[in-house]
Amino acid sequence: MSETIVIYAGPDACPTCLGWKRIANDDAQSSWKYWAELPPPSNLSVQLGLVYPVACPTCLGTGRDIRETLGRVVRDAWVAWAKEQPNAPAHHLDPWEALSEPLKEVDRRIGMAVRNVLHEMAKENPW
């Protein structure tokens, strides 16, 4: 019996798994999309269990670009903080959608830096 795969096809699909939430256990970390679409007998390695799907490490199995999600979280925190400040400049209250691409990238990088630190902490001290 085959498993139903729910593919995320939104505008911020993960660049690694292409929204498929899984990658192959191969060295290239290729999207499971490519393996799932192989016809027999080209998919023999899948049929034999040599190549199989694993959760995508980039999006953590969500299918969405986690950088985008984390960038939005950073921006939301920034805007919430800015609203508490007296006389905050208007551009500090701009929502994610109003940001230029370079400013979005800054928030993505901050989000990923926090994610990476938390990931390393969890490996050292599982909660």
PDB file of N, CA and C in Angstrom:
ATOM      1  N   MET A   1       0.844  -1.178   0.000  1.00  0.00           N
ATOM      2  CA  MET A   1       0.000   0.000   0.000  1.00  0.00           C
ATOM      3  C   MET A   1       0.890   1.243   0.000  1.00  0.00           C
ATOM      4  N   SER A   2       0.612   2.174  -0.874  1.00  0.00           N
ATOM      5  CA  SER A   2       1.444   3.365  -0.954  1.00  0.00           C
ATOM      6  C   SER A   2       0.941   4.436   0.007  1.00  0.00           C
ATOM      7  N   GLU A   3       1.871   5.255   0.429  1.00  0.00           N
ATOM      8  CA  GLU A   3       1.585   6.329   1.367  1.00  0.00           C
ATOM      9  C   GLU A   3       1.150   7.578   0.605  1.00  0.00           C
ATOM     10  N   THR A   4       0.180   8.301   1.147  1.00  0.00           N
ATOM     11  CA  THR A   4      -0.248   9.556   0.545  1.00  0.00           C
ATOM     12  C   THR A   4       0.728  10.649   0.954  1.00  0.00           C
ATOM     13  N   ILE A   5       1.221  11.379  -0.024  1.00  0.00           N
ATOM     14  CA  ILE A   5       2.159  12.467   0.236  1.00  0.00           C
ATOM     15  C   ILE A   5       1.421  13.781   0.020  1.00  0.00           C
ATOM     16  N   VAL A   6       1.384  14.617   1.047  1.00  0.00           N
ATOM     17  CA  VAL A   6       0.789  15.939   0.925  1.00  0.00           C
ATOM     18  C   VAL A   6       1.924  16.909   0.620  1.00  0.00           C
ATOM     19  N   ILE A   7       1.898  17.445  -0.557  1.00  0.00           N
ATOM     20  CA  ILE A   7       2.969  18.314  -1.025  1.00  0.00           C
ATOM     21  C   ILE A   7       2.609  19.764  -0.754  1.00  0.00           C
ATOM     22  N   TYR A   8       3.562  20.508  -0.211  1.00  0.00           N
ATOM     23  CA  TYR A   8       3.356  21.939  -0.022  1.00  0.00           C
ATOM     24  C   TYR A   8       3.772  22.643  -1.310  1.00  0.00           C
ATOM     25  N   ALA A   9       2.840  23.329  -1.939  1.00  0.00           N
ATOM     26  CA  ALA A   9       3.125  23.979  -3.221  1.00  0.00           C
ATOM     27  C   ALA A   9       3.007  25.493  -3.140  1.00  0.00           C
ATOM     28  N   GLY A  10       3.180  26.049  -1.961  1.00  0.00           N
ATOM     29  CA  GLY A  10       3.069  27.491  -1.799  1.00  0.00           C
ATOM     30  C   GLY A  10       4.275  28.232  -2.341  1.00  0.00           C
ATOM     31  N   PRO A  11       4.225  29.541  -2.299  1.00  0.00           N
ATOM     32  CA  PRO A  11       5.305  30.358  -2.866  1.00  0.00           C
ATOM     33  C   PRO A  11       6.619  30.233  -2.094  1.00  0.00           C
ATOM     34  N   ASP A  12       6.551  29.765  -0.851  1.00  0.00           N
ATOM     35  CA  ASP A  12       7.768  29.633  -0.052  1.00  0.00           C
ATOM     36  C   ASP A  12       8.117  28.159   0.192  1.00  0.00           C
ATOM     37  N   ALA A  13       7.955  27.346  -0.860  1.00  0.00           N
ATOM     38  CA  ALA A  13       8.303  25.930  -0.752  1.00  0.00           C
ATOM     39  C   ALA A  13       9.794  25.778  -0.462  1.00  0.00           C
ATOM     40  N   CYS A  14      10.119  24.789   0.304  1.00  0.00           N
ATOM     41  CA  CYS A  14      11.513  24.518   0.677  1.00  0.00           C
ATOM     42  C   CYS A  14      12.369  24.300  -0.569  1.00  0.00           C
ATOM     43  N   PRO A  15      13.521  24.949  -0.643  1.00  0.00           N
ATOM     44  CA  PRO A  15      14.379  24.780  -1.821  1.00  0.00           C
ATOM     45  C   PRO A  15      15.073  23.417  -1.879  1.00  0.00           C
ATOM     46  N   THR A  16      15.125  22.697  -0.778  1.00  0.00           N
ATOM     47  CA  THR A  16      15.782  21.394  -0.771  1.00  0.00           C
ATOM     48  C   THR A  16      14.831  20.284  -1.202  1.00  0.00           C
ATOM     49  N   CYS A  17      13.675  20.191  -0.528  1.00  0.00           N
ATOM     50  CA  CYS A  17      12.739  19.089  -0.837  1.00  0.00           C
ATOM     51  C   CYS A  17      11.680  19.498  -1.859  1.00  0.00           C
ATOM     52  N   LEU A  18      11.657  20.764  -2.232  1.00  0.00           N
ATOM     53  CA  LEU A  18      10.699  21.293  -3.220  1.00  0.00           C
ATOM     54  C   LEU A  18       9.255  21.149  -2.754  1.00  0.00           C
ATOM     55  N   GLY A  19       9.059  21.210  -1.443  1.00  0.00           N
ATOM     56  CA  GLY A  19       7.717  21.118  -0.874  1.00  0.00           C
ATOM     57  C   GLY A  19       7.266  19.700  -0.573  1.00  0.00           C
ATOM     58  N   TRP A  20       8.101  18.712  -0.859  1.00  0.00           N
ATOM     59  CA  TRP A  20       7.721  17.304  -0.648  1.00  0.00           C
ATOM     60  C   TRP A  20       7.943  16.840   0.783  1.00  0.00           C
ATOM     61  N   LYS A  21       8.538  17.660   1.615  1.00  0.00           N
ATOM     62  CA  LYS A  21       8.761  17.417   3.030  1.00  0.00           C
ATOM     63  C   LYS A  21       9.804  16.343   3.325  1.00  0.00           C
ATOM     64  N   ARG A  22      10.230  15.651   2.295  1.00  0.00           N
ATOM     65  CA  ARG A  22      11.200  14.578   2.472  1.00  0.00           C
ATOM     66  C   ARG A  22      12.248  14.633   1.371  1.00  0.00           C
ATOM     67  N   ILE A  23      13.397  14.090   1.707  1.00  0.00           N
ATOM     68  CA  ILE A  23      14.475  13.962   0.732  1.00  0.00           C
ATOM     69  C   ILE A  23      14.886  12.495   0.701  1.00  0.00           C
ATOM     70  N   ALA A  24      15.641  12.138  -0.301  1.00  0.00           N
ATOM     71  CA  ALA A  24      16.173  10.781  -0.373  1.00  0.00           C
ATOM     72  C   ALA A  24      17.373  10.674   0.561  1.00  0.00           C
ATOM     73  N   ASN A  25      17.652   9.484   1.014  1.00  0.00           N
ATOM     74  CA  ASN A  25      18.806   9.270   1.889  1.00  0.00           C
ATOM     75  C   ASN A  25      20.116   9.199   1.097  1.00  0.00           C
ATOM     76  N   ASP A  26      20.116   9.777  -0.098  1.00  0.00           N
ATOM     77  CA  ASP A  26      21.321   9.771  -0.933  1.00  0.00           C
ATOM     78  C   ASP A  26      22.259  10.913  -0.542  1.00  0.00           C
ATOM     79  N   ASP A  27      23.477  10.859  -1.042  1.00  0.00           N
ATOM     80  CA  ASP A  27      24.473  11.879  -0.705  1.00  0.00           C
ATOM     81  C   ASP A  27      24.080  13.272  -1.192  1.00  0.00           C
ATOM     82  N   ALA A  28      23.308  13.322  -2.266  1.00  0.00           N
ATOM     83  CA  ALA A  28      22.919  14.608  -2.850  1.00  0.00           C
ATOM     84  C   ALA A  28      21.758  15.268  -2.108  1.00  0.00           C
ATOM     85  N   GLN A  29      21.128  14.575  -1.172  1.00  0.00           N
ATOM     86  CA  GLN A  29      19.933  15.074  -0.487  1.00  0.00           C
ATOM     87  C   GLN A  29      18.903  15.554  -1.499  1.00  0.00           C
ATOM     88  N   SER A  30      18.658  14.742  -2.498  1.00  0.00           N
ATOM     89  CA  SER A  30      17.716  15.122  -3.552  1.00  0.00           C
ATOM     90  C   SER A  30      16.278  15.019  -3.055  1.00  0.00           C
ATOM     91  N   SER A  31      15.451  15.874  -3.580  1.00  0.00           N
ATOM     92  CA  SER A  31      14.039  15.862  -3.210  1.00  0.00           C
ATOM     93  C   SER A  31      13.438  14.493  -3.481  1.00  0.00           C
ATOM     94  N   TRP A  32      12.580  14.041  -2.588  1.00  0.00           N
ATOM     95  CA  TRP A  32      11.922  12.757  -2.785  1.00  0.00           C
ATOM     96  C   TRP A  32      11.047  12.792  -4.035  1.00  0.00           C
ATOM     97  N   LYS A  33      10.702  13.989  -4.483  1.00  0.00           N
ATOM     98  CA  LYS A  33       9.908  14.162  -5.701  1.00  0.00           C
ATOM     99  C   LYS A  33      10.505  13.354  -6.851  1.00  0.00           C
ATOM    100  N   TYR A  34      11.804  13.464  -7.022  1.00  0.00           N
ATOM    101  CA  TYR A  34      12.451  12.812  -8.156  1.00  0.00           C
ATOM    102  C   TYR A  34      12.404  11.288  -8.045  1.00  0.00           C
ATOM    103  N   TRP A  35      12.548  10.772  -6.857  1.00  0.00           N
ATOM    104  CA  TRP A  35      12.512   9.328  -6.655  1.00  0.00           C
ATOM    105  C   TRP A  35      11.088   8.797  -6.751  1.00  0.00           C
ATOM    106  N   ALA A  36      10.134   9.519  -6.219  1.00  0.00           N
ATOM    107  CA  ALA A  36       8.741   9.068  -6.226  1.00  0.00           C
ATOM    108  C   ALA A  36       8.176   9.013  -7.644  1.00  0.00           C
ATOM    109  N   GLU A  37       8.704   9.834  -8.522  1.00  0.00           N
ATOM    110  CA  GLU A  37       8.179   9.890  -9.888  1.00  0.00           C
ATOM    111  C   GLU A  37       8.868   8.917 -10.849  1.00  0.00           C
ATOM    112  N   LEU A  38       9.869   8.185 -10.372  1.00  0.00           N
ATOM    113  CA  LEU A  38      10.563   7.245 -11.247  1.00  0.00           C
ATOM    114  C   LEU A  38       9.668   6.050 -11.577  1.00  0.00           C
ATOM    115  N   PRO A  39       9.568   5.701 -12.851  1.00  0.00           N
ATOM    116  CA  PRO A  39       8.769   4.525 -13.211  1.00  0.00           C
ATOM    117  C   PRO A  39       9.603   3.248 -13.051  1.00  0.00           C
ATOM    118  N   PRO A  40       8.939   2.105 -12.881  1.00  0.00           N
ATOM    119  CA  PRO A  40       9.677   0.839 -12.889  1.00  0.00           C
ATOM    120  C   PRO A  40      10.288   0.633 -14.274  1.00  0.00           C
ATOM    121  N   PRO A  41      11.377   0.047 -14.432  1.00  0.00           N
ATOM    122  CA  PRO A  41      12.291  -0.497 -13.427  1.00  0.00           C
ATOM    123  C   PRO A  41      13.315   0.525 -12.937  1.00  0.00           C
ATOM    124  N   SER A  42      13.184   1.778 -13.337  1.00  0.00           N
ATOM    125  CA  SER A  42      14.144   2.806 -12.918  1.00  0.00           C
ATOM    126  C   SER A  42      14.145   3.006 -11.402  1.00  0.00           C
ATOM    127  N   ASN A  43      13.065   2.626 -10.745  1.00  0.00           N
ATOM    128  CA  ASN A  43      12.965   2.835  -9.302  1.00  0.00           C
ATOM    129  C   ASN A  43      13.353   1.591  -8.498  1.00  0.00           C
ATOM    130  N   LEU A  44      14.137   0.714  -9.081  1.00  0.00           N
ATOM    131  CA  LEU A  44      14.507  -0.534  -8.420  1.00  0.00           C
ATOM    132  C   LEU A  44      15.162  -0.292  -7.062  1.00  0.00           C
ATOM    133  N   SER A  45      16.025   0.716  -6.969  1.00  0.00           N
ATOM    134  CA  SER A  45      16.685   0.990  -5.687  1.00  0.00           C
ATOM    135  C   SER A  45      15.677   1.403  -4.622  1.00  0.00           C
ATOM    136  N   VAL A  46      14.586   2.046  -5.035  1.00  0.00           N
ATOM    137  CA  VAL A  46      13.513   2.398  -4.092  1.00  0.00           C
ATOM    138  C   VAL A  46      12.752   1.130  -3.705  1.00  0.00           C
ATOM    139  N   GLN A  47      12.431   0.302  -4.688  1.00  0.00           N
ATOM    140  CA  GLN A  47      11.698  -0.933  -4.420  1.00  0.00           C
ATOM    141  C   GLN A  47      12.477  -1.859  -3.481  1.00  0.00           C
ATOM    142  N   LEU A  48      13.804  -1.877  -3.619  1.00  0.00           N
ATOM    143  CA  LEU A  48      14.639  -2.723  -2.764  1.00  0.00           C
ATOM    144  C   LEU A  48      14.925  -2.100  -1.395  1.00  0.00           C
ATOM    145  N   GLY A  49      14.515  -0.847  -1.216  1.00  0.00           N
ATOM    146  CA  GLY A  49      14.744  -0.179   0.054  1.00  0.00           C
ATOM    147  C   GLY A  49      16.129   0.393   0.225  1.00  0.00           C
ATOM    148  N   LEU A  50      16.886   0.461  -0.858  1.00  0.00           N
ATOM    149  CA  LEU A  50      18.229   1.039  -0.782  1.00  0.00           C
ATOM    150  C   LEU A  50      18.166   2.562  -0.701  1.00  0.00           C
ATOM    151  N   VAL A  51      17.196   3.113  -1.387  1.00  0.00           N
ATOM    152  CA  VAL A  51      16.946   4.554  -1.334  1.00  0.00           C
ATOM    153  C   VAL A  51      15.558   4.727  -0.737  1.00  0.00           C
ATOM    154  N   TYR A  52      15.474   5.550   0.282  1.00  0.00           N
ATOM    155  CA  TYR A  52      14.197   5.744   0.969  1.00  0.00           C
ATOM    156  C   TYR A  52      14.083   7.195   1.443  1.00  0.00           C
ATOM    157  N   PRO A  53      12.858   7.650   1.733  1.00  0.00           N
ATOM    158  CA  PRO A  53      12.678   9.044   2.148  1.00  0.00           C
ATOM    159  C   PRO A  53      13.000   9.256   3.626  1.00  0.00           C
ATOM    160  N   VAL A  54      13.576  10.419   3.889  1.00  0.00           N
ATOM    161  CA  VAL A  54      13.820  10.875   5.264  1.00  0.00           C
ATOM    162  C   VAL A  54      13.338  12.314   5.364  1.00  0.00           C
ATOM    163  N   ALA A  55      13.058  12.770   6.565  1.00  0.00           N
ATOM    164  CA  ALA A  55      12.589  14.150   6.758  1.00  0.00           C
ATOM    165  C   ALA A  55      13.631  15.129   6.232  1.00  0.00           C
ATOM    166  N   CYS A  56      13.165  16.148   5.570  1.00  0.00           N
ATOM    167  CA  CYS A  56      14.056  17.169   5.017  1.00  0.00           C
ATOM    168  C   CYS A  56      14.690  17.969   6.161  1.00  0.00           C
ATOM    169  N   PRO A  57      16.022  18.040   6.219  1.00  0.00           N
ATOM    170  CA  PRO A  57      16.675  18.792   7.292  1.00  0.00           C
ATOM    171  C   PRO A  57      16.568  20.305   7.138  1.00  0.00           C
ATOM    172  N   THR A  58      16.278  20.767   5.941  1.00  0.00           N
ATOM    173  CA  THR A  58      16.183  22.206   5.712  1.00  0.00           C
ATOM    174  C   THR A  58      14.887  22.767   6.280  1.00  0.00           C
ATOM    175  N   CYS A  59      13.773  22.092   5.981  1.00  0.00           N
ATOM    176  CA  CYS A  59      12.461  22.598   6.426  1.00  0.00           C
ATOM    177  C   CYS A  59      11.911  21.812   7.608  1.00  0.00           C
ATOM    178  N   LEU A  60      12.672  20.829   8.076  1.00  0.00           N
ATOM    179  CA  LEU A  60      12.262  19.972   9.193  1.00  0.00           C
ATOM    180  C   LEU A  60      10.968  19.231   8.891  1.00  0.00           C
ATOM    181  N   GLY A  61      10.783  18.882   7.634  1.00  0.00           N
ATOM    182  CA  GLY A  61       9.625  18.098   7.233  1.00  0.00           C
ATOM    183  C   GLY A  61       8.335  18.872   7.073  1.00  0.00           C
ATOM    184  N   THR A  62       8.423  20.190   6.983  1.00  0.00           N
ATOM    185  CA  THR A  62       7.209  20.998   6.816  1.00  0.00           C
ATOM    186  C   THR A  62       6.894  21.279   5.353  1.00  0.00           C
ATOM    187  N   GLY A  63       7.906  21.187   4.492  1.00  0.00           N
ATOM    188  CA  GLY A  63       7.739  21.518   3.082  1.00  0.00           C
ATOM    189  C   GLY A  63       7.902  22.996   2.793  1.00  0.00           C
ATOM    190  N   ARG A  64       7.936  23.787   3.837  1.00  0.00           N
ATOM    191  CA  ARG A  64       8.079  25.240   3.675  1.00  0.00           C
ATOM    192  C   ARG A  64       9.518  25.650   3.936  1.00  0.00           C
ATOM    193  N   ASP A  65       9.919  26.699   3.294  1.00  0.00           N
ATOM    194  CA  ASP A  65      11.254  27.243   3.505  1.00  0.00           C
ATOM    195  C   ASP A  65      11.311  27.790   4.923  1.00  0.00           C
ATOM    196  N   ILE A  66      12.000  27.084   5.816  1.00  0.00           N
ATOM    197  CA  ILE A  66      12.039  27.481   7.223  1.00  0.00           C
ATOM    198  C   ILE A  66      12.702  28.842   7.391  1.00  0.00           C
ATOM    199  N   ARG A  67      13.592  29.198   6.477  1.00  0.00           N
ATOM    200  CA  ARG A  67      14.212  30.530   6.548  1.00  0.00           C
ATOM    201  C   ARG A  67      13.153  31.616   6.446  1.00  0.00           C
ATOM    202  N   GLU A  68      12.180  31.391   5.574  1.00  0.00           N
ATOM    203  CA  GLU A  68      11.102  32.376   5.403  1.00  0.00           C
ATOM    204  C   GLU A  68      10.263  32.455   6.679  1.00  0.00           C
ATOM    205  N   THR A  69       9.918  31.311   7.216  1.00  0.00           N
ATOM    206  CA  THR A  69       9.107  31.264   8.438  1.00  0.00           C
ATOM    207  C   THR A  69       9.831  31.933   9.594  1.00  0.00           C
ATOM    208  N   LEU A  70      11.108  31.599   9.766  1.00  0.00           N
ATOM    209  CA  LEU A  70      11.878  32.194  10.853  1.00  0.00           C
ATOM    210  C   LEU A  70      12.072  33.692  10.648  1.00  0.00           C
ATOM    211  N   GLY A  71      12.269  34.113   9.422  1.00  0.00           N
ATOM    212  CA  GLY A  71      12.382  35.543   9.133  1.00  0.00           C
ATOM    213  C   GLY A  71      11.127  36.297   9.531  1.00  0.00           C
ATOM    214  N   ARG A  72       9.982  35.694   9.257  1.00  0.00           N
ATOM    215  CA  ARG A  72       8.713  36.322   9.644  1.00  0.00           C
ATOM    216  C   ARG A  72       8.575  36.402  11.161  1.00  0.00           C
ATOM    217  N   VAL A  73       9.026  35.363  11.860  1.00  0.00           N
ATOM    218  CA  VAL A  73       8.971  35.368  13.329  1.00  0.00           C
ATOM    219  C   VAL A  73       9.843  36.490  13.875  1.00  0.00           C
ATOM    220  N   VAL A  74      11.039  36.631  13.314  1.00  0.00           N
ATOM    221  CA  VAL A  74      11.946  37.708  13.744  1.00  0.00           C
ATOM    222  C   VAL A  74      11.282  39.059  13.503  1.00  0.00           C
ATOM    223  N   ARG A  75      10.683  39.224  12.324  1.00  0.00           N
ATOM    224  CA  ARG A  75      10.047  40.510  12.017  1.00  0.00           C
ATOM    225  C   ARG A  75       8.884  40.793  12.955  1.00  0.00           C
ATOM    226  N   ASP A  76       8.077  39.771  13.229  1.00  0.00           N
ATOM    227  CA  ASP A  76       6.947  39.952  14.155  1.00  0.00           C
ATOM    228  C   ASP A  76       7.430  40.385  15.538  1.00  0.00           C
ATOM    229  N   ALA A  77       8.531  39.793  16.008  1.00  0.00           N
ATOM    230  CA  ALA A  77       9.085  40.170  17.313  1.00  0.00           C
ATOM    231  C   ALA A  77       9.586  41.610  17.284  1.00  0.00           C
ATOM    232  N   TRP A  78      10.233  41.972  16.173  1.00  0.00           N
ATOM    233  CA  TRP A  78      10.738  43.342  16.022  1.00  0.00           C
ATOM    234  C   TRP A  78       9.589  44.351  16.050  1.00  0.00           C
ATOM    235  N   VAL A  79       8.542  44.092  15.296  1.00  0.00           N
ATOM    236  CA  VAL A  79       7.404  45.012  15.229  1.00  0.00           C
ATOM    237  C   VAL A  79       6.735  45.116  16.595  1.00  0.00           C
ATOM    238  N   ALA A  80       6.589  43.976  17.296  1.00  0.00           N
ATOM    239  CA  ALA A  80       5.986  44.007  18.636  1.00  0.00           C
ATOM    240  C   ALA A  80       6.820  44.873  19.576  1.00  0.00           C
ATOM    241  N   TRP A  81       8.144  44.731  19.503  1.00  0.00           N
ATOM    242  CA  TRP A  81       9.023  45.557  20.322  1.00  0.00           C
ATOM    243  C   TRP A  81       8.887  47.026  19.928  1.00  0.00           C
ATOM    244  N   ALA A  82       8.879  47.310  18.633  1.00  0.00           N
ATOM    245  CA  ALA A  82       8.804  48.695  18.154  1.00  0.00           C
ATOM    246  C   ALA A  82       7.513  49.375  18.610  1.00  0.00           C
ATOM    247  N   LYS A  83       6.423  48.619  18.671  1.00  0.00           N
ATOM    248  CA  LYS A  83       5.140  49.190  19.117  1.00  0.00           C
ATOM    249  C   LYS A  83       5.190  49.629  20.577  1.00  0.00           C
ATOM    250  N   GLU A  84       6.081  49.045  21.346  1.00  0.00           N
ATOM    251  CA  GLU A  84       6.214  49.403  22.764  1.00  0.00           C
ATOM    252  C   GLU A  84       7.084  50.630  22.976  1.00  0.00           C
ATOM    253  N   GLN A  85       7.779  51.066  21.933  1.00  0.00           N
ATOM    254  CA  GLN A  85       8.707  52.179  22.059  1.00  0.00           C
ATOM    255  C   GLN A  85       8.006  53.511  21.808  1.00  0.00           C
ATOM    256  N   PRO A  86       8.333  54.524  22.610  1.00  0.00           N
ATOM    257  CA  PRO A  86       7.762  55.844  22.335  1.00  0.00           C
ATOM    258  C   PRO A  86       8.401  56.421  21.070  1.00  0.00           C
ATOM    259  N   ASN A  87       7.598  56.961  20.221  1.00  0.00           N
ATOM    260  CA  ASN A  87       8.079  57.616  18.997  1.00  0.00           C
ATOM    261  C   ASN A  87       8.901  56.700  18.081  1.00  0.00           C
ATOM    262  N   ALA A  88       8.488  55.473  17.950  1.00  0.00           N
ATOM    263  CA  ALA A  88       9.197  54.552  17.040  1.00  0.00           C
ATOM    264  C   ALA A  88       9.029  55.048  15.606  1.00  0.00           C
ATOM    265  N   PRO A  89      10.089  55.030  14.815  1.00  0.00           N
ATOM    266  CA  PRO A  89       9.966  55.420  13.408  1.00  0.00           C
ATOM    267  C   PRO A  89       8.930  54.531  12.713  1.00  0.00           C
ATOM    268  N   ALA A  90       8.184  55.101  11.814  1.00  0.00           N
ATOM    269  CA  ALA A  90       7.105  54.378  11.136  1.00  0.00           C
ATOM    270  C   ALA A  90       7.611  53.126  10.421  1.00  0.00           C
ATOM    271  N   HIS A  91       8.808  53.208   9.836  1.00  0.00           N
ATOM    272  CA  HIS A  91       9.308  52.039   9.095  1.00  0.00           C
ATOM    273  C   HIS A  91       9.644  50.854  10.011  1.00  0.00           C
ATOM    274  N   HIS A  92       9.795  51.113  11.317  1.00  0.00           N
ATOM    275  CA  HIS A  92      10.013  50.014  12.263  1.00  0.00           C
ATOM    276  C   HIS A  92       8.753  49.163  12.421  1.00  0.00           C
ATOM    277  N   LEU A  93       7.614  49.706  12.037  1.00  0.00           N
ATOM    278  CA  LEU A  93       6.341  48.995  12.165  1.00  0.00           C
ATOM    279  C   LEU A  93       5.902  48.336  10.868  1.00  0.00           C
ATOM    280  N   ASP A  94       6.726  48.441   9.841  1.00  0.00           N
ATOM    281  CA  ASP A  94       6.369  47.832   8.555  1.00  0.00           C
ATOM    282  C   ASP A  94       6.234  46.316   8.685  1.00  0.00           C
ATOM    283  N   PRO A  95       5.174  45.750   8.135  1.00  0.00           N
ATOM    284  CA  PRO A  95       5.022  44.296   8.167  1.00  0.00           C
ATOM    285  C   PRO A  95       6.001  43.629   7.195  1.00  0.00           C
ATOM    286  N   TRP A  96       6.148  42.341   7.329  1.00  0.00           N
ATOM    287  CA  TRP A  96       7.048  41.546   6.482  1.00  0.00           C
ATOM    288  C   TRP A  96       6.840  41.851   5.006  1.00  0.00           C
ATOM    289  N   GLU A  97       5.596  41.886   4.574  1.00  0.00           N
ATOM    290  CA  GLU A  97       5.278  42.070   3.156  1.00  0.00           C
ATOM    291  C   GLU A  97       5.790  43.400   2.610  1.00  0.00           C
ATOM    292  N   ALA A  98       5.972  44.398   3.475  1.00  0.00           N
ATOM    293  CA  ALA A  98       6.422  45.716   3.025  1.00  0.00           C
ATOM    294  C   ALA A  98       7.951  45.850   2.997  1.00  0.00           C
ATOM    295  N   LEU A  99       8.656  44.856   3.490  1.00  0.00           N
ATOM    296  CA  LEU A  99      10.112  44.954   3.552  1.00  0.00           C
ATOM    297  C   LEU A  99      10.752  44.735   2.191  1.00  0.00           C
ATOM    298  N   SER A 100      11.897  45.353   2.004  1.00  0.00           N
ATOM    299  CA  SER A 100      12.699  45.088   0.806  1.00  0.00           C
ATOM    300  C   SER A 100      13.347  43.708   0.965  1.00  0.00           C
ATOM    301  N   GLU A 101      13.778  43.133  -0.119  1.00  0.00           N
ATOM    302  CA  GLU A 101      14.405  41.802  -0.058  1.00  0.00           C
ATOM    303  C   GLU A 101      15.647  41.789   0.840  1.00  0.00           C
ATOM    304  N   PRO A 102      16.525  42.821   0.788  1.00  0.00           N
ATOM    305  CA  PRO A 102      17.680  42.806   1.691  1.00  0.00           C
ATOM    306  C   PRO A 102      17.288  42.797   3.173  1.00  0.00           C
ATOM    307  N   LEU A 103      16.236  43.534   3.540  1.00  0.00           N
ATOM    308  CA  LEU A 103      15.796  43.529   4.942  1.00  0.00           C
ATOM    309  C   LEU A 103      15.181  42.186   5.321  1.00  0.00           C
ATOM    310  N   LYS A 104      14.457  41.562   4.409  1.00  0.00           N
ATOM    311  CA  LYS A 104      13.925  40.226   4.678  1.00  0.00           C
ATOM    312  C   LYS A 104      15.066  39.243   4.914  1.00  0.00           C
ATOM    313  N   GLU A 105      16.121  39.375   4.116  1.00  0.00           N
ATOM    314  CA  GLU A 105      17.261  38.462   4.246  1.00  0.00           C
ATOM    315  C   GLU A 105      17.936  38.614   5.604  1.00  0.00           C
ATOM    316  N   VAL A 106      18.017  39.839   6.116  1.00  0.00           N
ATOM    317  CA  VAL A 106      18.584  40.055   7.456  1.00  0.00           C
ATOM    318  C   VAL A 106      17.767  39.280   8.485  1.00  0.00           C
ATOM    319  N   ASP A 107      16.449  39.391   8.428  1.00  0.00           N
ATOM    320  CA  ASP A 107      15.591  38.695   9.384  1.00  0.00           C
ATOM    321  C   ASP A 107      15.693  37.179   9.223  1.00  0.00           C
ATOM    322  N   ARG A 108      15.819  36.698   7.992  1.00  0.00           N
ATOM    323  CA  ARG A 108      16.002  35.258   7.760  1.00  0.00           C
ATOM    324  C   ARG A 108      17.293  34.773   8.413  1.00  0.00           C
ATOM    325  N   ARG A 109      18.362  35.539   8.262  1.00  0.00           N
ATOM    326  CA  ARG A 109      19.654  35.133   8.822  1.00  0.00           C
ATOM    327  C   ARG A 109      19.626  35.141  10.343  1.00  0.00           C
ATOM    328  N   ILE A 110      18.956  36.127  10.929  1.00  0.00           N
ATOM    329  CA  ILE A 110      18.817  36.152  12.390  1.00  0.00           C
ATOM    330  C   ILE A 110      18.033  34.920  12.846  1.00  0.00           C
ATOM    331  N   GLY A 111      16.935  34.631  12.161  1.00  0.00           N
ATOM    332  CA  GLY A 111      16.126  33.461  12.507  1.00  0.00           C
ATOM    333  C   GLY A 111      16.918  32.172  12.414  1.00  0.00           C
ATOM    334  N   MET A 112      17.699  32.016  11.354  1.00  0.00           N
ATOM    335  CA  MET A 112      18.503  30.805  11.189  1.00  0.00           C
ATOM    336  C   MET A 112      19.611  30.721  12.237  1.00  0.00           C
ATOM    337  N   ALA A 113      20.180  31.854  12.612  1.00  0.00           N
ATOM    338  CA  ALA A 113      21.222  31.844  13.645  1.00  0.00           C
ATOM    339  C   ALA A 113      20.638  31.346  14.964  1.00  0.00           C
ATOM    340  N   VAL A 114      19.457  31.815  15.310  1.00  0.00           N
ATOM    341  CA  VAL A 114      18.798  31.364  16.539  1.00  0.00           C
ATOM    342  C   VAL A 114      18.457  29.880  16.425  1.00  0.00           C
ATOM    343  N   ARG A 115      17.923  29.474  15.282  1.00  0.00           N
ATOM    344  CA  ARG A 115      17.586  28.052  15.077  1.00  0.00           C
ATOM    345  C   ARG A 115      18.813  27.169  15.228  1.00  0.00           C
ATOM    346  N   ASN A 116      19.935  27.584  14.647  1.00  0.00           N
ATOM    347  CA  ASN A 116      21.152  26.780  14.713  1.00  0.00           C
ATOM    348  C   ASN A 116      21.669  26.645  16.139  1.00  0.00           C
ATOM    349  N   VAL A 117      21.614  27.724  16.904  1.00  0.00           N
ATOM    350  CA  VAL A 117      22.046  27.665  18.306  1.00  0.00           C
ATOM    351  C   VAL A 117      21.133  26.726  19.091  1.00  0.00           C
ATOM    352  N   LEU A 118      19.827  26.851  18.899  1.00  0.00           N
ATOM    353  CA  LEU A 118      18.891  25.973  19.609  1.00  0.00           C
ATOM    354  C   LEU A 118      19.078  24.517  19.201  1.00  0.00           C
ATOM    355  N   HIS A 119      19.354  24.288  17.921  1.00  0.00           N
ATOM    356  CA  HIS A 119      19.591  22.930  17.433  1.00  0.00           C
ATOM    357  C   HIS A 119      20.813  22.318  18.110  1.00  0.00           C
ATOM    358  N   GLU A 120      21.901  23.082  18.206  1.00  0.00           N
ATOM    359  CA  GLU A 120      23.117  22.587  18.857  1.00  0.00           C
ATOM    360  C   GLU A 120      22.876  22.359  20.341  1.00  0.00           C
ATOM    361  N   MET A 121      22.130  23.251  20.978  1.00  0.00           N
ATOM    362  CA  MET A 121      21.838  23.078  22.410  1.00  0.00           C
ATOM    363  C   MET A 121      21.016  21.815  22.645  1.00  0.00           C
ATOM    364  N   ALA A 122      20.073  21.563  21.750  1.00  0.00           N
ATOM    365  CA  ALA A 122      19.217  20.375  21.893  1.00  0.00           C
ATOM    366  C   ALA A 122      20.023  19.101  21.718  1.00  0.00           C
ATOM    367  N   LYS A 123      21.031  19.134  20.845  1.00  0.00           N
ATOM    368  CA  LYS A 123      21.872  17.941  20.657  1.00  0.00           C
ATOM    369  C   LYS A 123      22.704  17.660  21.920  1.00  0.00           C
ATOM    370  N   GLU A 124      23.161  18.723  22.552  1.00  0.00           N
ATOM    371  CA  GLU A 124      23.989  18.575  23.741  1.00  0.00           C
ATOM    372  C   GLU A 124      23.168  18.229  24.990  1.00  0.00           C
ATOM    373  N   ASN A 125      21.993  18.840  25.090  1.00  0.00           N
ATOM    374  CA  ASN A 125      21.132  18.667  26.250  1.00  0.00           C
ATOM    375  C   ASN A 125      19.696  18.470  25.824  1.00  0.00           C
ATOM    376  N   PRO A 126      19.324  17.253  25.403  1.00  0.00           N
ATOM    377  CA  PRO A 126      17.932  17.025  24.963  1.00  0.00           C
ATOM    378  C   PRO A 126      16.967  17.400  26.083  1.00  0.00           C
ATOM    379  N   TRP A 127      15.907  18.094  25.692  1.00  0.00           N
ATOM    380  CA  TRP A 127      14.940  18.539  26.698  1.00  0.00           C
ATOM    381  C   TRP A 127      14.111  17.408  27.122  1.00  0.00           C
TER     382      TRP A 127
END
